[in-house]
């Protein structure tokens, strides 16, 4: 119990930026807080905090210990909550991170329905196209559209396959002609995901097996919705997930090209720490995601 109290006290000092602020927050004297951290340092045999008369700063060892200690306490809270939740109505917080386009087009509306179903569960959704480690960044779950994660510290839960297609606007086809060979992509204007101004290598599987072509990149962006809009404007051929381009493909505002060449398939994944699978909130959300996105194939996710 003393070690647990010391951990909680140390975390409080780091997050509040000093002993006095931490003491006020937890209702103890400054000397009590100082003794608790000093005892922790003596036990570990390392200095966790640099102390001056003006400020307190965290040592490299202290920062590493803080991250691990915070995770340990979060796991303990989750374990306690999972026991309570097994006998109660699901309640509490779920912090979710997801990519921007999928979040705005599909996940956001889905989570609104989830929140209606479980009003005692508070949902926090943060949209970001950068990879987020749910352990390090304090998220309960990260939604990714990618290939499987090799992070052993995370549960890697696949929901559904994500298909991508090569597509362009009818006006573009009328102006430039429809490509008949994958090598045409090296001369026709192409819109690619990324930030390489000189172009990008697109890898696909064709009738004769895998192929890679250095495309003529005239426009690039790290957001597929922007690439879709650029394709609609007739700027070039884009490689876009069907969950983004689906409506335009259905209405004919975009048309697929080089249909015999298939870009690598991605998947919709849920990533979360192993400890979170004990939580009934997470189990409910995983089941909800399967029901919402992983049932019958949807034109906007997979074909």
C-alpha atoms as a PDB file:
ATOM      1  CA  UNK A   1       0.000   0.000   0.000  1.00  0.00           C
ATOM      2  CA  UNK A   2       2.879   2.409   0.794  1.00  0.00           C
ATOM      3  CA  UNK A   3       4.353   1.791  -2.672  1.00  0.00           C
ATOM      4  CA  UNK A   4       0.977   2.486  -4.284  1.00  0.00           C
ATOM      5  CA  UNK A   5       0.635   5.746  -2.349  1.00  0.00           C
ATOM      6  CA  UNK A   6       4.186   6.717  -3.316  1.00  0.00           C
ATOM      7  CA  UNK A   7       3.435   6.023  -6.982  1.00  0.00           C
ATOM      8  CA  UNK A   8       0.306   8.159  -6.847  1.00  0.00           C
ATOM      9  CA  UNK A   9       2.192  10.938  -5.074  1.00  0.00           C
ATOM     10  CA  UNK A  10       5.086  10.887  -7.554  1.00  0.00           C
ATOM     11  CA  UNK A  11       2.681  11.060 -10.519  1.00  0.00           C
ATOM     12  CA  UNK A  12       0.883  13.973  -8.899  1.00  0.00           C
ATOM     13  CA  UNK A  13       4.166  15.890  -8.424  1.00  0.00           C
ATOM     14  CA  UNK A  14       5.135  15.363 -12.075  1.00  0.00           C
ATOM     15  CA  UNK A  15       1.736  16.389 -13.432  1.00  0.00           C
ATOM     16  CA  UNK A  16       1.309  19.375 -11.114  1.00  0.00           C
ATOM     17  CA  UNK A  17       4.898  20.561 -11.618  1.00  0.00           C
ATOM     18  CA  UNK A  18       5.998  20.690  -7.998  1.00  0.00           C
ATOM     19  CA  UNK A  19       5.655  19.474  -4.436  1.00  0.00           C
ATOM     20  CA  UNK A  20       3.543  22.380  -3.176  1.00  0.00           C
ATOM     21  CA  UNK A  21       0.948  22.068  -5.940  1.00  0.00           C
ATOM     22  CA  UNK A  22       0.788  18.300  -5.508  1.00  0.00           C
ATOM     23  CA  UNK A  23       0.412  18.651  -1.741  1.00  0.00           C
ATOM     24  CA  UNK A  24      -2.527  21.011  -2.157  1.00  0.00           C
ATOM     25  CA  UNK A  25      -4.153  18.659  -4.679  1.00  0.00           C
ATOM     26  CA  UNK A  26      -3.979  15.561  -2.467  1.00  0.00           C
ATOM     27  CA  UNK A  27      -4.493  17.316   0.864  1.00  0.00           C
ATOM     28  CA  UNK A  28      -1.111  16.582   2.445  1.00  0.00           C
ATOM     29  CA  UNK A  29       1.777  18.702   3.656  1.00  0.00           C
ATOM     30  CA  UNK A  30       4.682  19.462   1.347  1.00  0.00           C
ATOM     31  CA  UNK A  31       7.050  17.552   3.609  1.00  0.00           C
ATOM     32  CA  UNK A  32       4.832  14.448   3.433  1.00  0.00           C
ATOM     33  CA  UNK A  33       4.854  14.584  -0.352  1.00  0.00           C
ATOM     34  CA  UNK A  34       8.623  15.108  -0.396  1.00  0.00           C
ATOM     35  CA  UNK A  35       9.190  12.138   1.933  1.00  0.00           C
ATOM     36  CA  UNK A  36       7.016   9.866  -0.216  1.00  0.00           C
ATOM     37  CA  UNK A  37       8.985  10.665  -3.378  1.00  0.00           C
ATOM     38  CA  UNK A  38      12.319  10.438  -1.556  1.00  0.00           C
ATOM     39  CA  UNK A  39      11.368   7.000  -0.228  1.00  0.00           C
ATOM     40  CA  UNK A  40      10.534   5.915  -3.776  1.00  0.00           C
ATOM     41  CA  UNK A  41      13.917   7.167  -5.011  1.00  0.00           C
ATOM     42  CA  UNK A  42      15.727   5.358  -2.173  1.00  0.00           C
ATOM     43  CA  UNK A  43      13.892   2.156  -2.981  1.00  0.00           C
ATOM     44  CA  UNK A  44      14.723   2.404  -6.704  1.00  0.00           C
ATOM     45  CA  UNK A  45      18.255   3.673  -6.213  1.00  0.00           C
ATOM     46  CA  UNK A  46      17.830   6.453  -8.814  1.00  0.00           C
ATOM     47  CA  UNK A  47      16.967  10.123  -8.793  1.00  0.00           C
ATOM     48  CA  UNK A  48      13.527  10.726 -10.248  1.00  0.00           C
ATOM     49  CA  UNK A  49      13.296  14.496  -9.798  1.00  0.00           C
ATOM     50  CA  UNK A  50      15.733  17.403  -9.932  1.00  0.00           C
ATOM     51  CA  UNK A  51      14.961  19.810  -7.089  1.00  0.00           C
ATOM     52  CA  UNK A  52      15.966  23.472  -6.880  1.00  0.00           C
ATOM     53  CA  UNK A  53      14.617  26.301  -4.786  1.00  0.00           C
ATOM     54  CA  UNK A  54      12.673  27.544  -7.796  1.00  0.00           C
ATOM     55  CA  UNK A  55      11.387  24.470  -9.592  1.00  0.00           C
ATOM     56  CA  UNK A  56      11.178  20.711  -9.886  1.00  0.00           C
ATOM     57  CA  UNK A  57      12.075  18.920 -13.122  1.00  0.00           C
ATOM     58  CA  UNK A  58      11.880  15.265 -14.100  1.00  0.00           C
ATOM     59  CA  UNK A  59      15.079  13.314 -14.778  1.00  0.00           C
ATOM     60  CA  UNK A  60      15.241  10.927 -17.768  1.00  0.00           C
ATOM     61  CA  UNK A  61      14.845   8.006 -15.356  1.00  0.00           C
ATOM     62  CA  UNK A  62      11.966   9.817 -13.714  1.00  0.00           C
ATOM     63  CA  UNK A  63      10.227  10.376 -17.048  1.00  0.00           C
ATOM     64  CA  UNK A  64      10.522   6.690 -17.973  1.00  0.00           C
ATOM     65  CA  UNK A  65       9.275   5.645 -14.539  1.00  0.00           C
ATOM     66  CA  UNK A  66       6.411   8.139 -14.734  1.00  0.00           C
ATOM     67  CA  UNK A  67       5.162   6.637 -18.021  1.00  0.00           C
ATOM     68  CA  UNK A  68       5.279   3.101 -16.650  1.00  0.00           C
ATOM     69  CA  UNK A  69       3.782   4.046 -13.273  1.00  0.00           C
ATOM     70  CA  UNK A  70       0.935   5.949 -14.913  1.00  0.00           C
ATOM     71  CA  UNK A  71       0.151   2.892 -17.055  1.00  0.00           C
ATOM     72  CA  UNK A  72       0.223   0.595 -14.022  1.00  0.00           C
ATOM     73  CA  UNK A  73      -2.237   2.773 -12.113  1.00  0.00           C
ATOM     74  CA  UNK A  74      -4.481   3.061 -15.179  1.00  0.00           C
ATOM     75  CA  UNK A  75      -4.497  -0.734 -15.488  1.00  0.00           C
ATOM     76  CA  UNK A  76      -5.386  -1.048 -11.811  1.00  0.00           C
ATOM     77  CA  UNK A  77      -8.280   1.377 -12.223  1.00  0.00           C
ATOM     78  CA  UNK A  78      -9.485  -0.552 -15.286  1.00  0.00           C
ATOM     79  CA  UNK A  79      -9.326  -3.861 -13.414  1.00  0.00           C
ATOM     80  CA  UNK A  80     -11.357  -2.431 -10.543  1.00  0.00           C
ATOM     81  CA  UNK A  81     -13.878  -0.894 -12.926  1.00  0.00           C
ATOM     82  CA  UNK A  82     -14.284  -4.138 -14.855  1.00  0.00           C
ATOM     83  CA  UNK A  83     -15.344  -5.887 -11.667  1.00  0.00           C
ATOM     84  CA  UNK A  84     -17.857  -3.160 -10.853  1.00  0.00           C
ATOM     85  CA  UNK A  85     -19.131  -3.038 -14.426  1.00  0.00           C
ATOM     86  CA  UNK A  86     -19.894  -6.739 -14.429  1.00  0.00           C
ATOM     87  CA  UNK A  87     -22.639  -5.992 -11.897  1.00  0.00           C
ATOM     88  CA  UNK A  88     -23.686  -2.529 -13.060  1.00  0.00           C
ATOM     89  CA  UNK A  89     -24.918  -0.617 -16.093  1.00  0.00           C
ATOM     90  CA  UNK A  90     -21.904   0.142 -18.333  1.00  0.00           C
ATOM     91  CA  UNK A  91     -20.555   3.575 -17.472  1.00  0.00           C
ATOM     92  CA  UNK A  92     -17.363   5.586 -17.537  1.00  0.00           C
ATOM     93  CA  UNK A  93     -15.096   7.119 -20.160  1.00  0.00           C
ATOM     94  CA  UNK A  94     -13.761   5.818 -23.473  1.00  0.00           C
ATOM     95  CA  UNK A  95     -11.024   7.848 -25.171  1.00  0.00           C
ATOM     96  CA  UNK A  96     -10.744   6.932 -28.862  1.00  0.00           C
ATOM     97  CA  UNK A  97      -8.292   8.057 -31.522  1.00  0.00           C
ATOM     98  CA  UNK A  98      -9.030   7.606 -35.240  1.00  0.00           C
ATOM     99  CA  UNK A  99      -7.874   8.841 -38.673  1.00  0.00           C
ATOM    100  CA  UNK A 100      -9.458  12.036 -39.915  1.00  0.00           C
ATOM    101  CA  UNK A 101     -11.369  10.911 -43.021  1.00  0.00           C
ATOM    102  CA  UNK A 102     -12.785   7.683 -41.613  1.00  0.00           C
ATOM    103  CA  UNK A 103     -13.611   9.529 -38.400  1.00  0.00           C
ATOM    104  CA  UNK A 104     -15.627  12.279 -40.043  1.00  0.00           C
ATOM    105  CA  UNK A 105     -17.322  10.122 -42.694  1.00  0.00           C
ATOM    106  CA  UNK A 106     -18.126   6.956 -40.759  1.00  0.00           C
ATOM    107  CA  UNK A 107     -16.847   6.599 -37.197  1.00  0.00           C
ATOM    108  CA  UNK A 108     -18.249   9.878 -35.891  1.00  0.00           C
ATOM    109  CA  UNK A 109     -21.850   9.062 -36.877  1.00  0.00           C
ATOM    110  CA  UNK A 110     -21.408   5.525 -35.547  1.00  0.00           C
ATOM    111  CA  UNK A 111     -20.202   6.770 -32.160  1.00  0.00           C
ATOM    112  CA  UNK A 112     -23.173   9.119 -31.947  1.00  0.00           C
ATOM    113  CA  UNK A 113     -25.408   6.032 -32.195  1.00  0.00           C
ATOM    114  CA  UNK A 114     -23.223   4.205 -29.660  1.00  0.00           C
ATOM    115  CA  UNK A 115     -23.588   7.118 -27.227  1.00  0.00           C
ATOM    116  CA  UNK A 116     -27.358   7.012 -27.643  1.00  0.00           C
ATOM    117  CA  UNK A 117     -27.381   3.288 -26.849  1.00  0.00           C
ATOM    118  CA  UNK A 118     -25.176   3.702 -23.759  1.00  0.00           C
ATOM    119  CA  UNK A 119     -25.827   7.157 -22.305  1.00  0.00           C
ATOM    120  CA  UNK A 120     -23.761   6.442 -19.178  1.00  0.00           C
ATOM    121  CA  UNK A 121     -20.613   5.919 -21.256  1.00  0.00           C
ATOM    122  CA  UNK A 122     -18.825   9.172 -22.002  1.00  0.00           C
ATOM    123  CA  UNK A 123     -17.121   9.075 -25.428  1.00  0.00           C
ATOM    124  CA  UNK A 124     -14.132  11.245 -26.324  1.00  0.00           C
ATOM    125  CA  UNK A 125     -13.050  11.051 -29.985  1.00  0.00           C
ATOM    126  CA  UNK A 126      -9.786  12.605 -31.200  1.00  0.00           C
ATOM    127  CA  UNK A 127      -9.113  12.596 -34.960  1.00  0.00           C
ATOM    128  CA  UNK A 128      -5.512  12.492 -36.155  1.00  0.00           C
ATOM    129  CA  UNK A 129      -3.881  10.893 -39.200  1.00  0.00           C
ATOM    130  CA  UNK A 130      -0.630  10.247 -37.333  1.00  0.00           C
ATOM    131  CA  UNK A 131      -0.130   6.892 -35.630  1.00  0.00           C
ATOM    132  CA  UNK A 132      -1.008   7.109 -31.951  1.00  0.00           C
ATOM    133  CA  UNK A 133       0.189   4.609 -29.366  1.00  0.00           C
ATOM    134  CA  UNK A 134      -2.848   4.215 -27.088  1.00  0.00           C
ATOM    135  CA  UNK A 135      -0.639   3.245 -24.139  1.00  0.00           C
ATOM    136  CA  UNK A 136       1.744   6.203 -24.352  1.00  0.00           C
ATOM    137  CA  UNK A 137      -0.921   8.751 -25.298  1.00  0.00           C
ATOM    138  CA  UNK A 138      -3.573   7.715 -22.822  1.00  0.00           C
ATOM    139  CA  UNK A 139      -6.209   6.424 -25.260  1.00  0.00           C
ATOM    140  CA  UNK A 140      -8.382   3.410 -24.510  1.00  0.00           C
ATOM    141  CA  UNK A 141      -8.578   2.506 -28.195  1.00  0.00           C
ATOM    142  CA  UNK A 142      -7.021   3.541 -31.497  1.00  0.00           C
ATOM    143  CA  UNK A 143      -8.868   2.955 -34.770  1.00  0.00           C
ATOM    144  CA  UNK A 144      -6.505   2.502 -37.711  1.00  0.00           C
ATOM    145  CA  UNK A 145      -6.815   1.805 -41.409  1.00  0.00           C
ATOM    146  CA  UNK A 146      -3.570   0.018 -42.122  1.00  0.00           C
ATOM    147  CA  UNK A 147      -1.890  -3.339 -42.106  1.00  0.00           C
ATOM    148  CA  UNK A 148      -1.651  -5.386 -38.885  1.00  0.00           C
ATOM    149  CA  UNK A 149       0.359  -3.847 -36.084  1.00  0.00           C
ATOM    150  CA  UNK A 150       3.540  -5.529 -34.896  1.00  0.00           C
ATOM    151  CA  UNK A 151       3.297  -3.916 -31.472  1.00  0.00           C
ATOM    152  CA  UNK A 152       3.156  -6.841 -29.071  1.00  0.00           C
ATOM    153  CA  UNK A 153       1.907  -4.588 -26.277  1.00  0.00           C
ATOM    154  CA  UNK A 154      -1.410  -4.012 -28.100  1.00  0.00           C
ATOM    155  CA  UNK A 155      -4.419  -6.120 -28.983  1.00  0.00           C
ATOM    156  CA  UNK A 156      -4.761  -6.002 -32.790  1.00  0.00           C
ATOM    157  CA  UNK A 157      -8.420  -6.535 -33.680  1.00  0.00           C
ATOM    158  CA  UNK A 158      -9.443  -6.607 -37.363  1.00  0.00           C
ATOM    159  CA  UNK A 159     -12.984  -5.468 -38.209  1.00  0.00           C
ATOM    160  CA  UNK A 160     -13.193  -5.468 -42.017  1.00  0.00           C
ATOM    161  CA  UNK A 161     -11.056  -5.253 -45.148  1.00  0.00           C
ATOM    162  CA  UNK A 162     -10.662  -1.885 -46.848  1.00  0.00           C
ATOM    163  CA  UNK A 163     -10.467  -1.817 -50.646  1.00  0.00           C
ATOM    164  CA  UNK A 164      -8.708   0.848 -52.697  1.00  0.00           C
ATOM    165  CA  UNK A 165      -9.241   1.596 -56.379  1.00  0.00           C
ATOM    166  CA  UNK A 166      -7.616   3.614 -59.134  1.00  0.00           C
ATOM    167  CA  UNK A 167     -10.112   6.208 -60.330  1.00  0.00           C
ATOM    168  CA  UNK A 168     -10.492   9.443 -62.258  1.00  0.00           C
ATOM    169  CA  UNK A 169     -13.237  11.764 -63.430  1.00  0.00           C
ATOM    170  CA  UNK A 170     -14.990  11.240 -66.815  1.00  0.00           C
ATOM    171  CA  UNK A 171     -13.679  14.670 -67.900  1.00  0.00           C
ATOM    172  CA  UNK A 172     -10.130  13.556 -67.202  1.00  0.00           C
ATOM    173  CA  UNK A 173     -10.638  10.383 -69.257  1.00  0.00           C
ATOM    174  CA  UNK A 174     -12.095  12.406 -72.117  1.00  0.00           C
ATOM    175  CA  UNK A 175      -9.145  14.828 -72.076  1.00  0.00           C
ATOM    176  CA  UNK A 176      -6.242  12.441 -71.487  1.00  0.00           C
ATOM    177  CA  UNK A 177      -7.631   9.106 -72.596  1.00  0.00           C
ATOM    178  CA  UNK A 178      -8.127   6.024 -70.445  1.00  0.00           C
ATOM    179  CA  UNK A 179      -4.940   4.192 -69.427  1.00  0.00           C
ATOM    180  CA  UNK A 180      -4.662   0.757 -70.993  1.00  0.00           C
ATOM    181  CA  UNK A 181      -1.422  -0.345 -69.347  1.00  0.00           C
ATOM    182  CA  UNK A 182      -0.141   0.210 -65.819  1.00  0.00           C
ATOM    183  CA  UNK A 183       2.964   1.862 -67.288  1.00  0.00           C
ATOM    184  CA  UNK A 184       0.722   4.690 -68.526  1.00  0.00           C
ATOM    185  CA  UNK A 185       0.701   5.941 -64.922  1.00  0.00           C
ATOM    186  CA  UNK A 186       4.285   7.092 -65.376  1.00  0.00           C
ATOM    187  CA  UNK A 187       3.168   9.714 -67.916  1.00  0.00           C
ATOM    188  CA  UNK A 188      -0.462  10.483 -67.059  1.00  0.00           C
ATOM    189  CA  UNK A 189      -1.076  12.989 -64.223  1.00  0.00           C
ATOM    190  CA  UNK A 190      -1.507  11.159 -60.901  1.00  0.00           C
ATOM    191  CA  UNK A 191      -2.641  12.219 -57.441  1.00  0.00           C
ATOM    192  CA  UNK A 192      -0.872  10.460 -54.629  1.00  0.00           C
ATOM    193  CA  UNK A 193      -0.978  10.190 -50.876  1.00  0.00           C
ATOM    194  CA  UNK A 194       2.127  11.608 -49.233  1.00  0.00           C
ATOM    195  CA  UNK A 195       4.458  14.540 -49.562  1.00  0.00           C
ATOM    196  CA  UNK A 196       6.970  13.613 -52.282  1.00  0.00           C
ATOM    197  CA  UNK A 197       6.847  16.336 -54.976  1.00  0.00           C
ATOM    198  CA  UNK A 198       8.641  14.168 -57.549  1.00  0.00           C
ATOM    199  CA  UNK A 199       6.017  11.416 -57.476  1.00  0.00           C
ATOM    200  CA  UNK A 200       5.506   8.115 -55.770  1.00  0.00           C
ATOM    201  CA  UNK A 201       5.857   4.402 -56.473  1.00  0.00           C
ATOM    202  CA  UNK A 202       2.480   2.641 -56.580  1.00  0.00           C
ATOM    203  CA  UNK A 203       2.504  -1.081 -55.898  1.00  0.00           C
ATOM    204  CA  UNK A 204      -0.284  -3.266 -57.264  1.00  0.00           C
ATOM    205  CA  UNK A 205      -1.094  -6.823 -58.201  1.00  0.00           C
ATOM    206  CA  UNK A 206      -1.919  -7.346 -61.856  1.00  0.00           C
ATOM    207  CA  UNK A 207      -2.698 -10.303 -64.139  1.00  0.00           C
ATOM    208  CA  UNK A 208       1.009 -11.253 -64.162  1.00  0.00           C
ATOM    209  CA  UNK A 209       1.617 -10.724 -60.452  1.00  0.00           C
ATOM    210  CA  UNK A 210       3.008  -7.844 -58.355  1.00  0.00           C
ATOM    211  CA  UNK A 211       4.084  -4.688 -60.167  1.00  0.00           C
ATOM    212  CA  UNK A 212       5.420  -1.291 -59.089  1.00  0.00           C
ATOM    213  CA  UNK A 213       5.342   1.864 -61.191  1.00  0.00           C
ATOM    214  CA  UNK A 214       6.781   5.307 -60.534  1.00  0.00           C
ATOM    215  CA  UNK A 215       3.755   7.493 -61.207  1.00  0.00           C
ATOM    216  CA  UNK A 216       3.740  11.023 -62.580  1.00  0.00           C
ATOM    217  CA  UNK A 217       2.751  12.783 -59.369  1.00  0.00           C
ATOM    218  CA  UNK A 218       1.296  16.229 -60.118  1.00  0.00           C
ATOM    219  CA  UNK A 219      -0.556  16.676 -56.821  1.00  0.00           C
ATOM    220  CA  UNK A 220      -0.056  15.083 -53.419  1.00  0.00           C
ATOM    221  CA  UNK A 221      -1.740  15.292 -50.048  1.00  0.00           C
ATOM    222  CA  UNK A 222      -1.829  13.285 -46.817  1.00  0.00           C
ATOM    223  CA  UNK A 223      -5.634  13.291 -46.819  1.00  0.00           C
ATOM    224  CA  UNK A 224      -7.612  11.056 -49.178  1.00  0.00           C
ATOM    225  CA  UNK A 225     -10.687  13.311 -49.177  1.00  0.00           C
ATOM    226  CA  UNK A 226      -8.559  16.062 -50.725  1.00  0.00           C
ATOM    227  CA  UNK A 227      -7.285  13.588 -53.322  1.00  0.00           C
ATOM    228  CA  UNK A 228     -10.884  12.596 -54.098  1.00  0.00           C
ATOM    229  CA  UNK A 229     -11.796  16.246 -54.636  1.00  0.00           C
ATOM    230  CA  UNK A 230      -8.749  16.720 -56.855  1.00  0.00           C
ATOM    231  CA  UNK A 231      -9.794  13.691 -58.898  1.00  0.00           C
ATOM    232  CA  UNK A 232     -13.329  15.089 -59.194  1.00  0.00           C
ATOM    233  CA  UNK A 233     -11.796  18.322 -60.497  1.00  0.00           C
ATOM    234  CA  UNK A 234     -10.082  16.354 -63.274  1.00  0.00           C
ATOM    235  CA  UNK A 235      -6.527  16.837 -62.025  1.00  0.00           C
ATOM    236  CA  UNK A 236      -5.467  13.212 -62.380  1.00  0.00           C
ATOM    237  CA  UNK A 237      -5.783   9.539 -61.448  1.00  0.00           C
ATOM    238  CA  UNK A 238      -5.990   8.790 -57.737  1.00  0.00           C
ATOM    239  CA  UNK A 239      -5.671   5.682 -55.586  1.00  0.00           C
ATOM    240  CA  UNK A 240      -8.476   6.086 -53.023  1.00  0.00           C
ATOM    241  CA  UNK A 241     -10.234   3.839 -50.488  1.00  0.00           C
ATOM    242  CA  UNK A 242     -13.792   2.979 -51.488  1.00  0.00           C
ATOM    243  CA  UNK A 243     -15.145   4.195 -48.146  1.00  0.00           C
ATOM    244  CA  UNK A 244     -14.182   7.703 -49.345  1.00  0.00           C
ATOM    245  CA  UNK A 245     -14.811   7.473 -53.107  1.00  0.00           C
ATOM    246  CA  UNK A 246     -17.837   5.128 -52.922  1.00  0.00           C
ATOM    247  CA  UNK A 247     -20.631   7.676 -53.437  1.00  0.00           C
ATOM    248  CA  UNK A 248     -18.850   9.271 -56.412  1.00  0.00           C
ATOM    249  CA  UNK A 249     -18.167   5.849 -57.954  1.00  0.00           C
ATOM    250  CA  UNK A 250     -21.836   4.941 -57.600  1.00  0.00           C
ATOM    251  CA  UNK A 251     -23.052   8.135 -59.258  1.00  0.00           C
ATOM    252  CA  UNK A 252     -20.427   8.035 -62.020  1.00  0.00           C
ATOM    253  CA  UNK A 253     -18.702  11.260 -60.976  1.00  0.00           C
ATOM    254  CA  UNK A 254     -15.613   9.061 -60.659  1.00  0.00           C
ATOM    255  CA  UNK A 255     -14.864   5.941 -62.709  1.00  0.00           C
ATOM    256  CA  UNK A 256     -12.402   3.151 -62.030  1.00  0.00           C
ATOM    257  CA  UNK A 257      -9.456   2.622 -64.355  1.00  0.00           C
ATOM    258  CA  UNK A 258      -6.996  -0.257 -64.815  1.00  0.00           C
ATOM    259  CA  UNK A 259      -9.428  -2.566 -63.025  1.00  0.00           C
ATOM    260  CA  UNK A 260      -7.118  -5.569 -63.508  1.00  0.00           C
ATOM    261  CA  UNK A 261      -4.563  -3.940 -61.190  1.00  0.00           C
ATOM    262  CA  UNK A 262      -5.411  -4.133 -57.496  1.00  0.00           C
ATOM    263  CA  UNK A 263      -3.707  -1.896 -54.904  1.00  0.00           C
ATOM    264  CA  UNK A 264      -2.684  -3.593 -51.631  1.00  0.00           C
ATOM    265  CA  UNK A 265      -5.659  -4.203 -49.370  1.00  0.00           C
ATOM    266  CA  UNK A 266      -5.806  -2.502 -46.001  1.00  0.00           C
ATOM    267  CA  UNK A 267      -8.012  -3.273 -43.010  1.00  0.00           C
ATOM    268  CA  UNK A 268      -9.960  -1.450 -40.357  1.00  0.00           C
ATOM    269  CA  UNK A 269      -8.263  -2.315 -37.057  1.00  0.00           C
ATOM    270  CA  UNK A 270      -8.908  -1.624 -33.413  1.00  0.00           C
ATOM    271  CA  UNK A 271      -5.785  -1.335 -31.268  1.00  0.00           C
ATOM    272  CA  UNK A 272      -5.960  -1.300 -27.494  1.00  0.00           C
ATOM    273  CA  UNK A 273      -3.844  -2.371 -24.500  1.00  0.00           C
ATOM    274  CA  UNK A 274      -4.455  -5.937 -23.253  1.00  0.00           C
ATOM    275  CA  UNK A 275      -5.736  -4.625 -19.935  1.00  0.00           C
ATOM    276  CA  UNK A 276      -8.588  -2.768 -21.690  1.00  0.00           C
ATOM    277  CA  UNK A 277     -10.186  -5.999 -22.912  1.00  0.00           C
ATOM    278  CA  UNK A 278     -11.336  -6.575 -19.314  1.00  0.00           C
ATOM    279  CA  UNK A 279     -13.523  -3.484 -19.495  1.00  0.00           C
ATOM    280  CA  UNK A 280     -17.160  -4.008 -20.384  1.00  0.00           C
ATOM    281  CA  UNK A 281     -17.105  -0.588 -22.077  1.00  0.00           C
ATOM    282  CA  UNK A 282     -14.429  -1.749 -24.501  1.00  0.00           C
ATOM    283  CA  UNK A 283     -16.157  -5.074 -25.103  1.00  0.00           C
ATOM    284  CA  UNK A 284     -19.382  -3.219 -25.924  1.00  0.00           C
ATOM    285  CA  UNK A 285     -17.579  -0.900 -28.322  1.00  0.00           C
ATOM    286  CA  UNK A 286     -15.757  -3.762 -30.082  1.00  0.00           C
ATOM    287  CA  UNK A 287     -19.063  -5.633 -30.530  1.00  0.00           C
ATOM    288  CA  UNK A 288     -20.717  -2.441 -31.767  1.00  0.00           C
ATOM    289  CA  UNK A 289     -17.936  -1.843 -34.321  1.00  0.00           C
ATOM    290  CA  UNK A 290     -18.299  -5.406 -35.599  1.00  0.00           C
ATOM    291  CA  UNK A 291     -22.050  -4.992 -35.970  1.00  0.00           C
ATOM    292  CA  UNK A 292     -21.762  -1.575 -37.600  1.00  0.00           C
ATOM    293  CA  UNK A 293     -18.889  -2.207 -40.011  1.00  0.00           C
ATOM    294  CA  UNK A 294     -18.023  -5.892 -40.034  1.00  0.00           C
ATOM    295  CA  UNK A 295     -21.287  -7.586 -40.967  1.00  0.00           C
ATOM    296  CA  UNK A 296     -22.476  -7.775 -44.550  1.00  0.00           C
ATOM    297  CA  UNK A 297     -20.027  -6.230 -47.054  1.00  0.00           C
ATOM    298  CA  UNK A 298     -20.736  -2.545 -47.638  1.00  0.00           C
ATOM    299  CA  UNK A 299     -20.111  -0.794 -50.934  1.00  0.00           C
ATOM    300  CA  UNK A 300     -18.322   2.045 -49.159  1.00  0.00           C
ATOM    301  CA  UNK A 301     -15.944  -0.242 -47.244  1.00  0.00           C
ATOM    302  CA  UNK A 302     -15.277  -3.336 -49.322  1.00  0.00           C
ATOM    303  CA  UNK A 303     -16.432  -4.822 -52.616  1.00  0.00           C
END
